[in-house]
Amino acid sequence: MCGFHDFPDGNFFRRARPPSAALIARTRLVEKSMTGDSVPDEAWETFFTPVCGAIDLRHFERMFKSRQTALAFLFMQSKARPSLREKPKFVCATDDL
C-alpha cells in the first residue's frame, strides 16, 4: 500500500521484500474461514503489493487480522519442522598449522 515514493535516495534503503506465496495463500485461507463478507480481490492486490489504493476499513481490519494469524501459523510451522541447515561445528586447531 503506497510503497513507492520518490525519496531523494531513490528508495535505496527502503526496498520492501514482497510477501511470500505461502503467506499470501495462508492469509487468504484464514480470511475465507472467517464469518462475514469476504474481501474483494482488488483489495487483496492493494494489500499485498506496494501500490496506492483505497481499502474499506472493515476489509482492511479483516485482512490485517488474517495476516497476523497466518504469520503466527507459518512461524509455528517452521519451528516444528527440523532445520535443513547444517549445525555450526567447532574445530580445535593445533599450533602446527
Protein backbone atom coordinates (compact mmCIF):
# COMPACT_ATOMS: atom_id res chain seq x y z
CA MET A 1 0.00 0.00 0.00
CA CYS A 2 1.63 3.16 -1.23
CA GLY A 3 5.08 1.60 -1.08
CA PHE A 4 6.53 3.63 -3.92
CA HIS A 5 7.54 7.18 -3.17
CA ASP A 6 10.29 9.15 -4.82
CA PHE A 7 12.64 9.70 -1.90
CA PRO A 8 15.87 11.66 -2.54
CA ASP A 9 17.93 8.46 -2.24
CA GLY A 10 15.75 6.69 -4.82
CA ASN A 11 14.24 4.32 -2.23
CA PHE A 12 17.62 2.58 -1.95
CA PHE A 13 17.28 1.99 1.79
CA ARG A 14 13.53 1.43 1.79
CA ARG A 15 13.12 -1.55 -0.51
CA ALA A 16 10.33 -3.78 0.71
CA ARG A 17 10.50 -7.53 0.36
CA PRO A 18 7.31 -8.83 -1.19
CA PRO A 19 5.34 -11.30 0.92
CA SER A 20 5.93 -14.97 0.20
CA ALA A 21 3.43 -17.01 -1.77
CA ALA A 22 2.88 -19.13 1.36
CA LEU A 23 1.97 -16.07 3.42
CA ILE A 24 -0.45 -14.80 0.79
CA ALA A 25 -2.10 -18.18 0.39
CA ARG A 26 -2.39 -18.79 4.15
CA THR A 27 -3.75 -15.27 4.75
CA ARG A 28 -6.43 -15.72 2.11
CA LEU A 29 -7.29 -19.15 3.53
CA VAL A 30 -7.67 -17.71 7.03
CA GLU A 31 -9.83 -14.87 5.71
CA LYS A 32 -12.12 -17.28 3.86
CA SER A 33 -12.69 -19.25 7.05
CA MET A 34 -13.87 -16.12 8.89
CA THR A 35 -17.54 -15.29 9.14
CA GLY A 36 -18.88 -12.24 7.35
CA ASP A 37 -18.41 -10.66 3.94
CA SER A 38 -15.34 -11.75 2.01
CA VAL A 39 -12.74 -9.25 0.92
CA PRO A 40 -12.77 -8.45 -2.83
CA ASP A 41 -9.76 -9.50 -4.94
CA GLU A 42 -8.90 -5.88 -5.77
CA ALA A 43 -8.42 -5.12 -2.08
CA TRP A 44 -6.03 -8.08 -1.73
CA GLU A 45 -3.90 -6.76 -4.58
CA THR A 46 -3.70 -3.39 -2.87
CA PHE A 47 -2.96 -5.01 0.50
CA PHE A 48 -0.09 -7.22 -0.66
CA THR A 49 1.61 -5.01 -3.26
CA PRO A 50 3.24 -1.60 -2.98
CA VAL A 51 0.51 0.21 -4.93
CA CYS A 52 -1.63 3.08 -3.81
CA GLY A 53 -5.29 2.35 -3.45
CA ALA A 54 -8.19 2.64 -1.09
CA ILE A 55 -9.31 -0.27 1.06
CA ASP A 56 -12.53 -0.21 3.05
CA LEU A 57 -11.64 -0.09 6.75
CA ARG A 58 -13.73 -3.20 7.55
CA HIS A 59 -11.89 -5.11 4.81
CA PHE A 60 -8.51 -3.82 5.96
CA GLU A 61 -9.13 -4.90 9.55
CA ARG A 62 -10.25 -8.33 8.33
CA MET A 63 -7.15 -8.70 6.13
CA PHE A 64 -4.83 -7.47 8.88
CA LYS A 65 -6.21 -9.99 11.40
CA SER A 66 -5.97 -12.75 8.80
CA ARG A 67 -2.35 -11.85 8.09
CA GLN A 68 -1.50 -11.87 11.81
CA THR A 69 -2.99 -15.36 12.16
CA ALA A 70 -1.24 -16.58 9.01
CA LEU A 71 2.13 -15.24 10.21
CA ALA A 72 1.71 -16.97 13.56
CA PHE A 73 0.75 -20.24 11.86
CA LEU A 74 3.69 -20.16 9.46
CA PHE A 75 6.09 -19.27 12.26
CA MET A 76 4.90 -22.17 14.42
CA GLN A 77 5.01 -24.50 11.42
CA SER A 78 8.63 -23.53 10.72
CA LYS A 79 9.60 -24.18 14.37
CA ALA A 80 8.03 -27.65 14.30
CA ARG A 81 9.91 -28.65 11.17
CA PRO A 82 13.52 -29.75 11.63
CA SER A 83 16.06 -27.38 10.20
CA LEU A 84 17.76 -28.44 6.99
CA ARG A 85 20.70 -26.17 7.65
CA GLU A 86 23.86 -27.73 8.91
CA LYS A 87 24.57 -27.05 12.57
CA PRO A 88 27.68 -24.96 13.27
CA LYS A 89 30.71 -27.01 14.22
CA PHE A 90 33.64 -26.01 16.33
CA VAL A 91 37.02 -27.36 15.31
CA CYS A 92 40.02 -27.26 17.60
CA ALA A 93 43.08 -26.12 15.74
CA THR A 94 46.59 -27.04 16.75
CA ASP A 95 49.55 -24.70 16.69
CA ASP A 96 51.34 -26.68 13.99
CA LEU A 97 49.26 -25.44 11.04
